[in-house]
Amino acid sequence: MDSGSQAGQQPGFSKGNKEIVRMIEQYLRDQGLEDVAQSIEKRTGVSQEDGSIKDFRDCITTGNFKKLFHRERVEVQSSEK
């Protein structure tokens, strides 16, 4: 973390350091320390998982395949333009 960061500012992280923060967050959650993991996530701005990954997982676990396939189709069409 940047030692020059002021309160309220998120420190800059390299891709590798973001992965380390994610692993720490996951470890804390596995240990039942959700509040600590959330605090670190809020403070660093490094989310455990990307929002699109969460949406994807939620669609699968809830069986909402129609939404999942519609979303995939929209993303593919957008990337082809």
N, C-alpha and C. Protein backbone atom coordinates (compact mmCIF):
# COMPACT_ATOMS: atom_id res chain seq x y z
N MET A 1 0.84 -1.18 0.00
CA MET A 1 0.00 0.00 0.00
C MET A 1 0.88 1.24 0.00
N ASP A 2 0.34 2.30 -0.56
CA ASP A 2 1.10 3.54 -0.58
C ASP A 2 1.13 4.15 0.80
N SER A 3 2.32 4.48 1.29
CA SER A 3 2.41 5.10 2.61
C SER A 3 1.92 6.53 2.57
N GLY A 4 1.85 7.12 1.37
CA GLY A 4 1.39 8.49 1.25
C GLY A 4 -0.11 8.63 1.10
N SER A 5 -0.84 7.51 1.16
CA SER A 5 -2.30 7.58 1.01
C SER A 5 -2.91 8.30 2.19
N GLN A 6 -3.87 9.15 1.90
CA GLN A 6 -4.59 9.85 2.95
C GLN A 6 -5.87 9.09 3.24
N ALA A 7 -6.45 9.34 4.40
CA ALA A 7 -7.70 8.69 4.77
C ALA A 7 -8.75 8.97 3.71
N GLY A 8 -9.50 7.94 3.33
CA GLY A 8 -10.54 8.09 2.34
C GLY A 8 -10.08 7.86 0.91
N GLN A 9 -8.78 7.83 0.68
CA GLN A 9 -8.27 7.57 -0.65
C GLN A 9 -7.86 6.11 -0.74
N GLN A 10 -8.17 5.51 -1.88
CA GLN A 10 -7.81 4.13 -2.08
C GLN A 10 -6.40 4.05 -2.61
N PRO A 11 -5.58 3.19 -2.02
CA PRO A 11 -4.21 3.03 -2.51
C PRO A 11 -4.20 2.35 -3.87
N GLY A 12 -3.18 2.61 -4.67
CA GLY A 12 -3.06 1.95 -5.96
C GLY A 12 -2.41 0.59 -5.78
N PHE A 13 -2.92 -0.40 -6.48
CA PHE A 13 -2.40 -1.75 -6.40
C PHE A 13 -2.07 -2.25 -7.79
N SER A 14 -0.97 -3.00 -7.88
CA SER A 14 -0.68 -3.69 -9.13
C SER A 14 -1.61 -4.88 -9.24
N LYS A 15 -1.66 -5.49 -10.40
CA LYS A 15 -2.53 -6.66 -10.59
C LYS A 15 -2.17 -7.76 -9.60
N GLY A 16 -0.89 -8.00 -9.40
CA GLY A 16 -0.45 -9.03 -8.46
C GLY A 16 -0.85 -8.73 -7.04
N ASN A 17 -0.74 -7.47 -6.64
CA ASN A 17 -1.12 -7.09 -5.28
C ASN A 17 -2.63 -7.18 -5.08
N LYS A 18 -3.40 -6.90 -6.12
CA LYS A 18 -4.85 -7.05 -6.02
C LYS A 18 -5.20 -8.51 -5.75
N GLU A 19 -4.50 -9.42 -6.40
CA GLU A 19 -4.75 -10.85 -6.18
C GLU A 19 -4.41 -11.24 -4.74
N ILE A 20 -3.37 -10.67 -4.19
CA ILE A 20 -3.00 -10.95 -2.80
C ILE A 20 -4.11 -10.45 -1.87
N VAL A 21 -4.61 -9.25 -2.12
CA VAL A 21 -5.70 -8.70 -1.30
C VAL A 21 -6.92 -9.61 -1.40
N ARG A 22 -7.23 -10.08 -2.61
CA ARG A 22 -8.38 -10.98 -2.79
C ARG A 22 -8.20 -12.28 -2.00
N MET A 23 -6.98 -12.81 -2.01
CA MET A 23 -6.72 -14.04 -1.25
C MET A 23 -6.88 -13.81 0.25
N ILE A 24 -6.42 -12.66 0.72
CA ILE A 24 -6.58 -12.32 2.13
C ILE A 24 -8.06 -12.21 2.47
N GLU A 25 -8.82 -11.51 1.62
CA GLU A 25 -10.25 -11.38 1.84
C GLU A 25 -10.92 -12.76 1.89
N GLN A 26 -10.55 -13.63 0.95
CA GLN A 26 -11.15 -14.96 0.91
C GLN A 26 -10.80 -15.75 2.17
N TYR A 27 -9.56 -15.66 2.62
CA TYR A 27 -9.14 -16.35 3.84
C TYR A 27 -9.96 -15.86 5.03
N LEU A 28 -10.13 -14.55 5.14
CA LEU A 28 -10.90 -14.00 6.25
C LEU A 28 -12.35 -14.48 6.21
N ARG A 29 -12.92 -14.53 5.01
CA ARG A 29 -14.30 -15.03 4.88
C ARG A 29 -14.37 -16.51 5.28
N ASP A 30 -13.40 -17.28 4.86
CA ASP A 30 -13.36 -18.71 5.21
C ASP A 30 -13.25 -18.91 6.72
N GLN A 31 -12.65 -17.96 7.41
CA GLN A 31 -12.48 -18.04 8.85
C GLN A 31 -13.67 -17.44 9.61
N GLY A 32 -14.68 -17.01 8.86
CA GLY A 32 -15.87 -16.44 9.48
C GLY A 32 -15.74 -14.98 9.85
N LEU A 33 -14.78 -14.32 9.27
CA LEU A 33 -14.53 -12.90 9.57
C LEU A 33 -15.01 -12.01 8.43
N GLU A 34 -16.27 -12.18 8.07
CA GLU A 34 -16.86 -11.43 6.96
C GLU A 34 -16.74 -9.93 7.15
N ASP A 35 -16.96 -9.45 8.38
CA ASP A 35 -16.90 -8.01 8.64
C ASP A 35 -15.51 -7.45 8.39
N VAL A 36 -14.49 -8.20 8.73
CA VAL A 36 -13.11 -7.75 8.50
C VAL A 36 -12.82 -7.75 7.01
N ALA A 37 -13.25 -8.80 6.30
CA ALA A 37 -13.05 -8.88 4.86
C ALA A 37 -13.76 -7.72 4.15
N GLN A 38 -14.98 -7.42 4.58
CA GLN A 38 -15.71 -6.30 3.98
C GLN A 38 -15.01 -4.98 4.24
N SER A 39 -14.46 -4.83 5.42
CA SER A 39 -13.74 -3.61 5.76
C SER A 39 -12.52 -3.43 4.85
N ILE A 40 -11.79 -4.50 4.64
CA ILE A 40 -10.61 -4.44 3.76
C ILE A 40 -11.05 -4.14 2.33
N GLU A 41 -12.12 -4.80 1.89
CA GLU A 41 -12.63 -4.56 0.54
C GLU A 41 -13.02 -3.10 0.35
N LYS A 42 -13.71 -2.55 1.33
CA LYS A 42 -14.13 -1.14 1.26
C LYS A 42 -12.93 -0.21 1.29
N ARG A 43 -11.99 -0.49 2.15
CA ARG A 43 -10.83 0.38 2.33
C ARG A 43 -9.91 0.37 1.10
N THR A 44 -9.72 -0.81 0.51
CA THR A 44 -8.80 -0.93 -0.62
C THR A 44 -9.47 -0.71 -1.97
N GLY A 45 -10.79 -0.93 -2.01
CA GLY A 45 -11.48 -0.86 -3.30
C GLY A 45 -11.27 -2.09 -4.15
N VAL A 46 -10.66 -3.13 -3.56
CA VAL A 46 -10.41 -4.37 -4.29
C VAL A 46 -11.52 -5.35 -3.92
N SER A 47 -12.40 -5.62 -4.88
CA SER A 47 -13.53 -6.50 -4.65
C SER A 47 -13.11 -7.96 -4.78
N GLN A 48 -13.75 -8.80 -3.99
CA GLN A 48 -13.45 -10.23 -4.03
C GLN A 48 -13.69 -10.78 -5.43
N GLU A 49 -14.72 -10.30 -6.08
CA GLU A 49 -14.98 -10.76 -7.44
C GLU A 49 -15.62 -9.64 -8.24
N ASP A 50 -15.38 -9.67 -9.51
CA ASP A 50 -15.93 -8.72 -10.44
C ASP A 50 -17.45 -8.84 -10.45
N GLY A 51 -18.14 -7.75 -10.65
CA GLY A 51 -19.60 -7.77 -10.67
C GLY A 51 -20.18 -8.69 -11.72
N SER A 52 -19.54 -8.76 -12.88
CA SER A 52 -20.06 -9.64 -13.93
C SER A 52 -19.90 -11.11 -13.55
N ILE A 53 -18.86 -11.43 -12.81
CA ILE A 53 -18.68 -12.81 -12.35
C ILE A 53 -19.75 -13.15 -11.32
N LYS A 54 -20.04 -12.22 -10.43
CA LYS A 54 -21.08 -12.44 -9.43
C LYS A 54 -22.43 -12.66 -10.12
N ASP A 55 -22.75 -11.83 -11.11
CA ASP A 55 -24.01 -11.98 -11.84
C ASP A 55 -24.07 -13.34 -12.54
N PHE A 56 -22.97 -13.74 -13.15
CA PHE A 56 -22.89 -15.03 -13.84
C PHE A 56 -23.15 -16.18 -12.87
N ARG A 57 -22.47 -16.15 -11.71
CA ARG A 57 -22.64 -17.19 -10.70
C ARG A 57 -24.08 -17.21 -10.17
N ASP A 58 -24.63 -16.02 -9.92
CA ASP A 58 -26.00 -15.94 -9.42
C ASP A 58 -27.00 -16.52 -10.42
N CYS A 59 -26.79 -16.27 -11.70
CA CYS A 59 -27.67 -16.83 -12.72
C CYS A 59 -27.60 -18.36 -12.71
N ILE A 60 -26.43 -18.90 -12.57
CA ILE A 60 -26.27 -20.35 -12.56
C ILE A 60 -26.88 -20.95 -11.29
N THR A 61 -26.58 -20.38 -10.13
CA THR A 61 -27.06 -20.97 -8.88
C THR A 61 -28.57 -20.84 -8.70
N THR A 62 -29.17 -19.82 -9.33
CA THR A 62 -30.62 -19.66 -9.23
C THR A 62 -31.35 -20.31 -10.40
N GLY A 63 -30.60 -20.81 -11.38
CA GLY A 63 -31.22 -21.46 -12.53
C GLY A 63 -31.82 -20.48 -13.52
N ASN A 64 -31.37 -19.24 -13.49
CA ASN A 64 -31.90 -18.21 -14.38
C ASN A 64 -31.09 -18.23 -15.69
N PHE A 65 -31.23 -19.32 -16.44
CA PHE A 65 -30.44 -19.49 -17.65
C PHE A 65 -30.88 -18.56 -18.76
N LYS A 66 -32.15 -18.20 -18.77
CA LYS A 66 -32.64 -17.27 -19.79
C LYS A 66 -31.89 -15.95 -19.68
N LYS A 67 -31.76 -15.42 -18.48
CA LYS A 67 -31.02 -14.17 -18.26
C LYS A 67 -29.55 -14.36 -18.62
N LEU A 68 -28.99 -15.50 -18.23
CA LEU A 68 -27.58 -15.78 -18.51
C LEU A 68 -27.31 -15.79 -20.00
N PHE A 69 -28.13 -16.53 -20.77
CA PHE A 69 -27.90 -16.63 -22.20
C PHE A 69 -28.19 -15.31 -22.91
N HIS A 70 -29.19 -14.57 -22.44
CA HIS A 70 -29.48 -13.26 -23.04
C HIS A 70 -28.29 -12.32 -22.83
N ARG A 71 -27.76 -12.35 -21.62
CA ARG A 71 -26.63 -11.48 -21.30
C ARG A 71 -25.41 -11.83 -22.14
N GLU A 72 -25.12 -13.12 -22.28
CA GLU A 72 -23.98 -13.55 -23.08
C GLU A 72 -24.15 -13.12 -24.54
N ARG A 73 -25.37 -13.25 -25.06
CA ARG A 73 -25.64 -12.87 -26.44
C ARG A 73 -25.41 -11.39 -26.63
N VAL A 74 -25.86 -10.56 -25.69
CA VAL A 74 -25.70 -9.10 -25.78
C VAL A 74 -24.22 -8.75 -25.75
N GLU A 75 -23.45 -9.37 -24.84
CA GLU A 75 -22.02 -9.07 -24.73
C GLU A 75 -21.27 -9.47 -25.98
N VAL A 76 -21.62 -10.62 -26.58
CA VAL A 76 -20.96 -11.06 -27.82
C VAL A 76 -21.27 -10.10 -28.95
N GLN A 77 -22.55 -9.70 -29.09
CA GLN A 77 -22.93 -8.78 -30.14
C GLN A 77 -22.22 -7.44 -29.98
N SER A 78 -22.08 -6.97 -28.75
CA SER A 78 -21.42 -5.69 -28.50
C SER A 78 -19.94 -5.76 -28.87
N SER A 79 -19.29 -6.86 -28.62
CA SER A 79 -17.87 -6.97 -28.89
C SER A 79 -17.59 -7.15 -30.37
N GLU A 80 -18.59 -7.58 -31.15
CA GLU A 80 -18.41 -7.77 -32.59
C GLU A 80 -18.49 -6.46 -33.35
N LYS A 81 -19.05 -5.43 -32.76
CA LYS A 81 -19.23 -4.14 -33.46
C LYS A 81 -17.96 -3.38 -33.57
